[in-house]
Amino acid sequence: MTEYELIKGCIKDNAKCQRMLFEQYAGKMMTVCLRYSNDQMEAEDMFQEAFIRVFRYIHQFKFEGSFEGWIRRIVVNSALKHIEKRRINFNEIKENSADTPQIPAYAYSNLGEEDILKLIHQLPEGYRMVFNLSVIEGFSHEEIGKMLNIQPSTSRSQLVKARKMLQNQIIQMQKIAV
């Protein structure tokens, strides 16, 4: 079944098409939710809310651009709405060093996807939100500012600090591994 036929079937509330669509995108979209959540249960709540929205608004998909991108945008927006209820704190984190550490290239190659996800999860919530939206989702600082109701400059500084914190975590992991 083509993507077009699958979407049209979902618009007609065809349960088989809905199941197929869900199965096709569930893994990728759950990963998105896990990046934004504090734990598995919260990710599952975000995921469920997002797919309810996908099926509720699938008739609005205009068959322009990527369907996966359209779903991802719904998932990200659902995650942000869920997080908004918790009131993210964009506090400055005190750091021991003002210098950005230099990480050897081999340090990155030793990290798997699961390791990177764990490191991202350890970031303070504000850093994690901005890092996910900028680096992984590809939004500009202006877009992130609107989404999170912060200044673009706050988004930029949160991203710089998130990257620095991740670099420090990678260095610590390399020291332990050696």
N, C-alpha and C. Protein backbone atom coordinates (compact mmCIF):
# COMPACT_ATOMS: atom_id res chain seq x y z
N MET A 1 0.85 -1.18 0.00
CA MET A 1 0.00 0.00 0.00
C MET A 1 0.89 1.24 0.00
N THR A 2 0.59 2.20 -0.85
CA THR A 2 1.39 3.42 -0.93
C THR A 2 1.07 4.33 0.24
N GLU A 3 1.95 5.28 0.49
CA GLU A 3 1.73 6.25 1.57
C GLU A 3 0.43 7.02 1.32
N TYR A 4 0.20 7.39 0.07
CA TYR A 4 -1.01 8.12 -0.30
C TYR A 4 -2.26 7.31 0.06
N GLU A 5 -2.27 6.03 -0.32
CA GLU A 5 -3.41 5.16 -0.03
C GLU A 5 -3.59 4.97 1.48
N LEU A 6 -2.48 4.87 2.17
CA LEU A 6 -2.53 4.71 3.63
C LEU A 6 -3.16 5.94 4.28
N ILE A 7 -2.74 7.11 3.87
CA ILE A 7 -3.28 8.35 4.43
C ILE A 7 -4.76 8.49 4.10
N LYS A 8 -5.11 8.23 2.84
CA LYS A 8 -6.52 8.31 2.43
C LYS A 8 -7.38 7.33 3.23
N GLY A 9 -6.84 6.14 3.49
CA GLY A 9 -7.55 5.16 4.30
C GLY A 9 -7.76 5.65 5.73
N CYS A 10 -6.76 6.31 6.28
CA CYS A 10 -6.87 6.86 7.63
C CYS A 10 -7.91 7.98 7.68
N ILE A 11 -7.95 8.78 6.64
CA ILE A 11 -8.94 9.86 6.56
C ILE A 11 -10.35 9.27 6.59
N LYS A 12 -10.50 8.09 5.98
CA LYS A 12 -11.80 7.41 5.94
C LYS A 12 -12.04 6.56 7.19
N ASP A 13 -11.19 6.71 8.21
CA ASP A 13 -11.29 5.96 9.47
C ASP A 13 -11.17 4.45 9.27
N ASN A 14 -10.39 4.03 8.30
CA ASN A 14 -10.14 2.61 8.06
C ASN A 14 -9.17 2.11 9.13
N ALA A 15 -9.64 1.22 10.00
CA ALA A 15 -8.85 0.73 11.14
C ALA A 15 -7.56 0.04 10.68
N LYS A 16 -7.61 -0.70 9.58
CA LYS A 16 -6.42 -1.39 9.08
C LYS A 16 -5.34 -0.38 8.68
N CYS A 17 -5.76 0.67 8.00
CA CYS A 17 -4.82 1.72 7.58
C CYS A 17 -4.26 2.45 8.80
N GLN A 18 -5.11 2.72 9.78
CA GLN A 18 -4.65 3.39 10.99
C GLN A 18 -3.61 2.54 11.72
N ARG A 19 -3.86 1.26 11.81
CA ARG A 19 -2.92 0.36 12.47
C ARG A 19 -1.60 0.33 11.70
N MET A 20 -1.68 0.25 10.38
CA MET A 20 -0.46 0.22 9.56
C MET A 20 0.34 1.51 9.72
N LEU A 21 -0.34 2.64 9.70
CA LEU A 21 0.33 3.92 9.86
C LEU A 21 0.99 3.99 11.24
N PHE A 22 0.25 3.59 12.26
CA PHE A 22 0.78 3.60 13.61
C PHE A 22 2.03 2.72 13.70
N GLU A 23 1.96 1.52 13.19
CA GLU A 23 3.09 0.59 13.25
C GLU A 23 4.30 1.12 12.48
N GLN A 24 4.04 1.82 11.39
CA GLN A 24 5.13 2.35 10.57
C GLN A 24 5.90 3.47 11.27
N TYR A 25 5.20 4.31 12.02
CA TYR A 25 5.83 5.49 12.60
C TYR A 25 6.00 5.45 14.12
N ALA A 26 5.44 4.46 14.78
CA ALA A 26 5.45 4.42 16.25
C ALA A 26 6.86 4.45 16.83
N GLY A 27 7.76 3.65 16.31
CA GLY A 27 9.11 3.57 16.87
C GLY A 27 9.85 4.90 16.80
N LYS A 28 9.84 5.52 15.63
CA LYS A 28 10.54 6.79 15.47
C LYS A 28 9.93 7.88 16.35
N MET A 29 8.60 7.91 16.42
CA MET A 29 7.95 8.98 17.16
C MET A 29 8.05 8.77 18.68
N MET A 30 8.11 7.52 19.10
CA MET A 30 8.32 7.25 20.52
C MET A 30 9.71 7.72 20.93
N THR A 31 10.67 7.54 20.05
CA THR A 31 12.03 8.03 20.31
C THR A 31 12.03 9.54 20.50
N VAL A 32 11.26 10.24 19.67
CA VAL A 32 11.14 11.70 19.82
C VAL A 32 10.58 12.03 21.19
N CYS A 33 9.51 11.35 21.60
CA CYS A 33 8.90 11.60 22.90
C CYS A 33 9.87 11.32 24.04
N LEU A 34 10.65 10.26 23.92
CA LEU A 34 11.62 9.92 24.97
C LEU A 34 12.67 11.02 25.14
N ARG A 35 13.03 11.69 24.04
CA ARG A 35 14.01 12.77 24.14
C ARG A 35 13.47 13.97 24.91
N TYR A 36 12.17 14.18 24.87
CA TYR A 36 11.58 15.34 25.52
C TYR A 36 11.08 15.04 26.93
N SER A 37 10.92 13.78 27.28
CA SER A 37 10.30 13.42 28.55
C SER A 37 11.33 13.21 29.65
N ASN A 38 10.81 13.14 30.87
CA ASN A 38 11.67 12.82 32.01
C ASN A 38 11.74 11.33 32.26
N ASP A 39 10.75 10.59 31.79
CA ASP A 39 10.75 9.14 32.00
C ASP A 39 9.86 8.45 30.97
N GLN A 40 9.84 7.14 31.01
CA GLN A 40 9.09 6.32 30.05
C GLN A 40 7.59 6.61 30.09
N MET A 41 7.03 6.71 31.30
CA MET A 41 5.58 6.95 31.40
C MET A 41 5.18 8.29 30.79
N GLU A 42 5.96 9.30 31.06
CA GLU A 42 5.66 10.62 30.48
C GLU A 42 5.78 10.56 28.96
N ALA A 43 6.78 9.85 28.46
CA ALA A 43 6.95 9.70 27.01
C ALA A 43 5.74 9.00 26.40
N GLU A 44 5.24 7.98 27.08
CA GLU A 44 4.07 7.26 26.58
C GLU A 44 2.83 8.16 26.55
N ASP A 45 2.68 9.02 27.56
CA ASP A 45 1.57 9.98 27.57
C ASP A 45 1.68 10.94 26.39
N MET A 46 2.89 11.47 26.18
CA MET A 46 3.12 12.39 25.05
C MET A 46 2.81 11.70 23.73
N PHE A 47 3.28 10.47 23.62
CA PHE A 47 3.12 9.67 22.41
C PHE A 47 1.63 9.44 22.11
N GLN A 48 0.89 9.07 23.13
CA GLN A 48 -0.54 8.81 22.96
C GLN A 48 -1.28 10.07 22.53
N GLU A 49 -1.00 11.17 23.21
CA GLU A 49 -1.63 12.45 22.85
C GLU A 49 -1.30 12.83 21.40
N ALA A 50 -0.06 12.61 21.01
CA ALA A 50 0.38 12.97 19.66
C ALA A 50 -0.36 12.16 18.60
N PHE A 51 -0.48 10.86 18.82
CA PHE A 51 -1.14 10.03 17.80
C PHE A 51 -2.64 10.28 17.76
N ILE A 52 -3.22 10.66 18.87
CA ILE A 52 -4.63 11.06 18.84
C ILE A 52 -4.78 12.27 17.93
N ARG A 53 -3.85 13.21 18.05
CA ARG A 53 -3.87 14.41 17.20
C ARG A 53 -3.61 14.06 15.73
N VAL A 54 -2.67 13.14 15.50
CA VAL A 54 -2.37 12.74 14.12
C VAL A 54 -3.65 12.24 13.45
N PHE A 55 -4.36 11.34 14.12
CA PHE A 55 -5.56 10.77 13.51
C PHE A 55 -6.72 11.78 13.46
N ARG A 56 -6.75 12.69 14.42
CA ARG A 56 -7.81 13.70 14.43
C ARG A 56 -7.63 14.71 13.29
N TYR A 57 -6.37 15.03 12.97
CA TYR A 57 -6.10 16.08 11.99
C TYR A 57 -5.50 15.57 10.68
N ILE A 58 -5.47 14.27 10.48
CA ILE A 58 -4.85 13.73 9.27
C ILE A 58 -5.52 14.27 8.00
N HIS A 59 -6.78 14.62 8.08
CA HIS A 59 -7.47 15.16 6.90
C HIS A 59 -6.90 16.52 6.48
N GLN A 60 -6.12 17.16 7.37
CA GLN A 60 -5.53 18.46 7.05
C GLN A 60 -4.18 18.32 6.33
N PHE A 61 -3.64 17.11 6.26
CA PHE A 61 -2.38 16.92 5.54
C PHE A 61 -2.62 17.20 4.06
N LYS A 62 -1.80 18.06 3.49
CA LYS A 62 -2.03 18.54 2.12
C LYS A 62 -1.20 17.79 1.07
N PHE A 63 -0.54 16.72 1.45
CA PHE A 63 0.30 15.95 0.53
C PHE A 63 1.39 16.82 -0.10
N GLU A 64 1.86 17.78 0.67
CA GLU A 64 2.99 18.64 0.28
C GLU A 64 4.09 18.41 1.29
N GLY A 65 5.23 18.02 0.86
CA GLY A 65 6.33 17.76 1.78
C GLY A 65 6.23 16.37 2.39
N SER A 66 7.06 16.15 3.37
CA SER A 66 7.19 14.84 4.01
C SER A 66 6.05 14.57 4.99
N PHE A 67 5.41 13.43 4.85
CA PHE A 67 4.37 13.02 5.80
C PHE A 67 5.00 12.73 7.16
N GLU A 68 6.17 12.08 7.15
CA GLU A 68 6.85 11.82 8.42
C GLU A 68 7.19 13.13 9.13
N GLY A 69 7.61 14.13 8.37
CA GLY A 69 7.88 15.45 8.95
C GLY A 69 6.63 16.07 9.56
N TRP A 70 5.49 15.88 8.90
CA TRP A 70 4.22 16.39 9.40
C TRP A 70 3.87 15.72 10.73
N ILE A 71 4.04 14.41 10.78
CA ILE A 71 3.77 13.68 12.03
C ILE A 71 4.74 14.13 13.12
N ARG A 72 6.02 14.25 12.77
CA ARG A 72 7.04 14.65 13.75
C ARG A 72 6.71 16.01 14.35
N ARG A 73 6.22 16.91 13.52
CA ARG A 73 5.87 18.25 14.02
C ARG A 73 4.73 18.15 15.04
N ILE A 74 3.76 17.29 14.77
CA ILE A 74 2.66 17.09 15.72
C ILE A 74 3.19 16.49 17.02
N VAL A 75 4.09 15.53 16.90
CA VAL A 75 4.67 14.88 18.07
C VAL A 75 5.45 15.89 18.91
N VAL A 76 6.28 16.69 18.27
CA VAL A 76 7.07 17.69 18.99
C VAL A 76 6.14 18.71 19.66
N ASN A 77 5.15 19.20 18.93
CA ASN A 77 4.22 20.16 19.52
C ASN A 77 3.44 19.56 20.68
N SER A 78 3.04 18.30 20.57
CA SER A 78 2.34 17.63 21.67
C SER A 78 3.26 17.50 22.88
N ALA A 79 4.51 17.15 22.63
CA ALA A 79 5.48 17.04 23.73
C ALA A 79 5.67 18.39 24.41
N LEU A 80 5.78 19.44 23.61
CA LEU A 80 5.98 20.78 24.19
C LEU A 80 4.75 21.21 25.01
N LYS A 81 3.56 20.91 24.52
CA LYS A 81 2.34 21.23 25.28
C LYS A 81 2.31 20.47 26.59
N HIS A 82 2.72 19.23 26.55
CA HIS A 82 2.75 18.41 27.76
C HIS A 82 3.75 19.01 28.77
N ILE A 83 4.91 19.39 28.27
CA ILE A 83 5.97 19.94 29.13
C ILE A 83 5.57 21.31 29.67
N GLU A 84 4.86 22.07 28.87
CA GLU A 84 4.43 23.41 29.27
C GLU A 84 3.66 23.37 30.59
N LYS A 85 2.94 22.29 30.81
CA LYS A 85 2.19 22.13 32.05
C LYS A 85 3.12 22.08 33.26
N ARG A 86 4.36 21.64 33.05
CA ARG A 86 5.33 21.53 34.14
C ARG A 86 6.11 22.81 34.37
N ARG A 87 6.00 23.74 33.47
CA ARG A 87 6.75 24.99 33.57
C ARG A 87 8.26 24.76 33.55
N ILE A 88 8.82 24.76 32.37
CA ILE A 88 10.26 24.56 32.21
C ILE A 88 10.99 25.75 32.82
N ASN A 89 12.10 25.45 33.45
CA ASN A 89 12.91 26.49 34.05
C ASN A 89 14.18 26.66 33.23
N PHE A 90 14.38 27.85 32.70
CA PHE A 90 15.57 28.13 31.89
C PHE A 90 16.61 28.83 32.75
N ASN A 91 16.97 28.19 33.84
CA ASN A 91 17.97 28.75 34.75
C ASN A 91 19.36 28.57 34.19
N GLU A 92 20.23 29.43 34.65
CA GLU A 92 21.63 29.30 34.29
C GLU A 92 22.24 28.29 35.25
N ILE A 93 23.03 27.38 34.72
CA ILE A 93 23.71 26.38 35.52
C ILE A 93 25.14 26.87 35.75
N LYS A 94 25.56 26.87 37.00
CA LYS A 94 26.93 27.30 37.33
C LYS A 94 27.90 26.24 36.82
N GLU A 95 28.96 26.73 36.17
CA GLU A 95 29.94 25.80 35.61
C GLU A 95 31.29 26.03 36.26
N ASN A 96 32.08 24.97 36.32
CA ASN A 96 33.40 25.05 36.93
C ASN A 96 34.43 25.68 36.01
N SER A 97 34.25 25.50 34.73
CA SER A 97 35.24 25.96 33.77
C SER A 97 34.60 26.80 32.69
N ALA A 98 35.25 27.87 32.31
CA ALA A 98 34.72 28.73 31.26
C ALA A 98 35.18 28.27 29.89
N ASP A 99 36.15 27.35 29.85
CA ASP A 99 36.68 26.88 28.58
C ASP A 99 35.87 25.70 28.06
N THR A 100 35.65 25.70 26.77
CA THR A 100 34.98 24.56 26.15
C THR A 100 36.03 23.48 25.91
N PRO A 101 35.79 22.29 26.44
CA PRO A 101 36.79 21.23 26.29
C PRO A 101 36.90 20.77 24.84
N GLN A 102 38.09 20.34 24.49
CA GLN A 102 38.32 19.77 23.16
C GLN A 102 38.22 18.25 23.29
N ILE A 103 37.34 17.67 22.50
CA ILE A 103 37.12 16.23 22.58
C ILE A 103 37.73 15.58 21.35
N PRO A 104 38.55 14.56 21.57
CA PRO A 104 39.11 13.86 20.41
C PRO A 104 38.01 13.20 19.59
N ALA A 105 38.20 13.13 18.28
CA ALA A 105 37.17 12.59 17.39
C ALA A 105 36.80 11.15 17.74
N TYR A 106 37.75 10.36 18.22
CA TYR A 106 37.44 8.96 18.54
C TYR A 106 36.43 8.83 19.67
N ALA A 107 36.34 9.85 20.53
CA ALA A 107 35.41 9.78 21.66
C ALA A 107 33.97 9.67 21.18
N TYR A 108 33.64 10.39 20.10
CA TYR A 108 32.29 10.34 19.56
C TYR A 108 31.98 9.01 18.90
N SER A 109 32.98 8.44 18.24
CA SER A 109 32.74 7.20 17.49
C SER A 109 32.47 6.02 18.41
N ASN A 110 32.87 6.12 19.66
CA ASN A 110 32.64 5.03 20.62
C ASN A 110 31.24 5.07 21.22
N LEU A 111 30.51 6.16 20.99
CA LEU A 111 29.19 6.30 21.57
C LEU A 111 28.12 5.73 20.66
N GLY A 112 27.21 4.96 21.24
CA GLY A 112 26.07 4.47 20.49
C GLY A 112 24.88 5.40 20.67
N GLU A 113 23.84 5.14 19.91
CA GLU A 113 22.63 5.96 19.99
C GLU A 113 22.06 5.99 21.41
N GLU A 114 22.07 4.83 22.06
CA GLU A 114 21.53 4.75 23.41
C GLU A 114 22.35 5.58 24.40
N ASP A 115 23.68 5.57 24.23
CA ASP A 115 24.56 6.36 25.08
C ASP A 115 24.26 7.85 24.92
N ILE A 116 24.12 8.26 23.69
CA ILE A 116 23.86 9.68 23.41
C ILE A 116 22.50 10.09 23.99
N LEU A 117 21.50 9.24 23.82
CA LEU A 117 20.18 9.53 24.38
C LEU A 117 20.25 9.69 25.90
N LYS A 118 21.02 8.82 26.56
CA LYS A 118 21.18 8.91 28.02
C LYS A 118 21.84 10.23 28.42
N LEU A 119 22.85 10.62 27.66
CA LEU A 119 23.54 11.88 27.96
C LEU A 119 22.60 13.07 27.78
N ILE A 120 21.84 13.05 26.71
CA ILE A 120 20.88 14.14 26.47
C ILE A 120 19.85 14.18 27.60
N HIS A 121 19.43 13.02 28.06
CA HIS A 121 18.44 12.94 29.14
C HIS A 121 18.95 13.52 30.44
N GLN A 122 20.26 13.51 30.63
CA GLN A 122 20.85 14.03 31.86
C GLN A 122 20.96 15.55 31.87
N LEU A 123 20.73 16.17 30.73
CA LEU A 123 20.78 17.63 30.67
C LEU A 123 19.64 18.23 31.48
N PRO A 124 19.85 19.41 32.07
CA PRO A 124 18.73 20.11 32.70
C PRO A 124 17.63 20.33 31.66
N GLU A 125 16.40 20.38 32.10
CA GLU A 125 15.26 20.38 31.19
C GLU A 125 15.30 21.49 30.14
N GLY A 126 15.62 22.70 30.52
CA GLY A 126 15.69 23.79 29.57
C GLY A 126 16.74 23.55 28.49
N TYR A 127 17.92 23.09 28.91
CA TYR A 127 18.98 22.78 27.97
C TYR A 127 18.51 21.69 27.01
N ARG A 128 17.88 20.65 27.59
CA ARG A 128 17.45 19.50 26.79
C ARG A 128 16.41 19.91 25.74
N MET A 129 15.46 20.76 26.13
CA MET A 129 14.42 21.19 25.19
C MET A 129 15.05 21.94 24.02
N VAL A 130 15.90 22.89 24.32
CA VAL A 130 16.53 23.70 23.28
C VAL A 130 17.44 22.83 22.42
N PHE A 131 18.22 21.94 23.03
CA PHE A 131 19.10 21.06 22.27
C PHE A 131 18.29 20.20 21.31
N ASN A 132 17.24 19.58 21.79
CA ASN A 132 16.39 18.74 20.94
C ASN A 132 15.79 19.53 19.78
N LEU A 133 15.22 20.70 20.09
CA LEU A 133 14.56 21.49 19.06
C LEU A 133 15.55 22.02 18.02
N SER A 134 16.73 22.41 18.46
CA SER A 134 17.70 22.99 17.54
C SER A 134 18.50 21.92 16.80
N VAL A 135 19.18 21.08 17.53
CA VAL A 135 20.11 20.14 16.91
C VAL A 135 19.39 18.98 16.24
N ILE A 136 18.40 18.43 16.90
CA ILE A 136 17.77 17.23 16.37
C ILE A 136 16.61 17.56 15.44
N GLU A 137 15.76 18.51 15.83
CA GLU A 137 14.60 18.85 14.99
C GLU A 137 14.92 19.90 13.93
N GLY A 138 15.96 20.70 14.14
CA GLY A 138 16.39 21.66 13.14
C GLY A 138 15.67 23.00 13.15
N PHE A 139 15.03 23.36 14.26
CA PHE A 139 14.36 24.65 14.34
C PHE A 139 15.37 25.77 14.58
N SER A 140 15.05 26.96 14.09
CA SER A 140 15.91 28.13 14.33
C SER A 140 15.68 28.64 15.75
N HIS A 141 16.58 29.48 16.22
CA HIS A 141 16.43 30.04 17.58
C HIS A 141 15.20 30.93 17.67
N GLU A 142 14.85 31.57 16.57
CA GLU A 142 13.63 32.39 16.55
C GLU A 142 12.40 31.50 16.72
N GLU A 143 12.37 30.38 16.00
CA GLU A 143 11.24 29.44 16.11
C GLU A 143 11.17 28.84 17.51
N ILE A 144 12.33 28.48 18.06
CA ILE A 144 12.38 27.90 19.40
C ILE A 144 11.89 28.93 20.41
N GLY A 145 12.30 30.18 20.24
CA GLY A 145 11.85 31.24 21.13
C GLY A 145 10.33 31.34 21.17
N LYS A 146 9.71 31.28 19.99
CA LYS A 146 8.24 31.35 19.93
C LYS A 146 7.61 30.13 20.57
N MET A 147 8.17 28.94 20.29
CA MET A 147 7.60 27.71 20.83
C MET A 147 7.67 27.66 22.36
N LEU A 148 8.79 28.12 22.90
CA LEU A 148 9.01 28.00 24.34
C LEU A 148 8.75 29.30 25.10
N ASN A 149 8.35 30.33 24.36
CA ASN A 149 8.07 31.63 24.96
C ASN A 149 9.31 32.19 25.67
N ILE A 150 10.44 32.14 24.97
CA ILE A 150 11.69 32.70 25.46
C ILE A 150 12.31 33.55 24.35
N GLN A 151 13.32 34.32 24.69
CA GLN A 151 14.02 35.13 23.70
C GLN A 151 14.94 34.23 22.86
N PRO A 152 15.13 34.56 21.59
CA PRO A 152 16.08 33.79 20.77
C PRO A 152 17.48 33.74 21.40
N SER A 153 17.88 34.82 22.05
CA SER A 153 19.21 34.83 22.70
C SER A 153 19.27 33.83 23.85
N THR A 154 18.16 33.62 24.54
CA THR A 154 18.11 32.61 25.60
C THR A 154 18.27 31.23 24.99
N SER A 155 17.61 31.01 23.85
CA SER A 155 17.74 29.74 23.16
C SER A 155 19.19 29.49 22.76
N ARG A 156 19.84 30.52 22.22
CA ARG A 156 21.24 30.37 21.81
C ARG A 156 22.13 30.02 23.00
N SER A 157 21.98 30.74 24.09
CA SER A 157 22.85 30.49 25.26
C SER A 157 22.56 29.12 25.87
N GLN A 158 21.30 28.70 25.89
CA GLN A 158 20.97 27.38 26.41
C GLN A 158 21.60 26.29 25.55
N LEU A 159 21.62 26.49 24.23
CA LEU A 159 22.21 25.52 23.33
C LEU A 159 23.72 25.43 23.54
N VAL A 160 24.39 26.57 23.65
CA VAL A 160 25.84 26.59 23.88
C VAL A 160 26.16 25.84 25.17
N LYS A 161 25.39 26.10 26.20
CA LYS A 161 25.65 25.47 27.50
C LYS A 161 25.30 23.98 27.47
N ALA A 162 24.27 23.61 26.73
CA ALA A 162 23.92 22.19 26.59
C ALA A 162 25.05 21.45 25.90
N ARG A 163 25.57 22.02 24.83
CA ARG A 163 26.68 21.38 24.11
C ARG A 163 27.90 21.23 25.00
N LYS A 164 28.19 22.27 25.73
CA LYS A 164 29.36 22.23 26.63
C LYS A 164 29.17 21.15 27.70
N MET A 165 27.97 21.06 28.24
CA MET A 165 27.68 20.06 29.26
C MET A 165 27.81 18.65 28.67
N LEU A 166 27.30 18.46 27.46
CA LEU A 166 27.43 17.16 26.79
C LEU A 166 28.90 16.81 26.55
N GLN A 167 29.68 17.79 26.13
CA GLN A 167 31.11 17.54 25.92
C GLN A 167 31.78 17.11 27.21
N ASN A 168 31.46 17.77 28.31
CA ASN A 168 32.02 17.40 29.60
C ASN A 168 31.61 15.99 30.00
N GLN A 169 30.36 15.63 29.72
CA GLN A 169 29.89 14.29 30.04
C GLN A 169 30.64 13.24 29.21
N ILE A 170 30.88 13.54 27.95
CA ILE A 170 31.61 12.61 27.08
C ILE A 170 33.04 12.45 27.58
N ILE A 171 33.67 13.54 27.98
CA ILE A 171 35.04 13.47 28.51
C ILE A 171 35.05 12.60 29.76
N GLN A 172 34.08 12.77 30.65
CA GLN A 172 34.01 11.96 31.85
C GLN A 172 33.85 10.48 31.50
N MET A 173 33.01 10.18 30.52
CA MET A 173 32.81 8.80 30.08
C MET A 173 34.12 8.21 29.54
N GLN A 174 34.88 9.02 28.80
CA GLN A 174 36.14 8.54 28.24
C GLN A 174 37.18 8.28 29.34
N LYS A 175 37.16 9.10 30.39
CA LYS A 175 38.09 8.90 31.50
C LYS A 175 37.77 7.60 32.22
N ILE A 176 36.47 7.31 32.36
CA ILE A 176 36.05 6.08 33.04
C ILE A 176 36.41 4.87 32.19
N ALA A 177 36.24 5.00 30.87
CA ALA A 177 36.49 3.87 29.96
C ALA A 177 37.98 3.55 29.83
N VAL A 178 38.84 4.51 30.09
CA VAL A 178 40.29 4.30 29.90
C VAL A 178 40.91 3.59 31.06
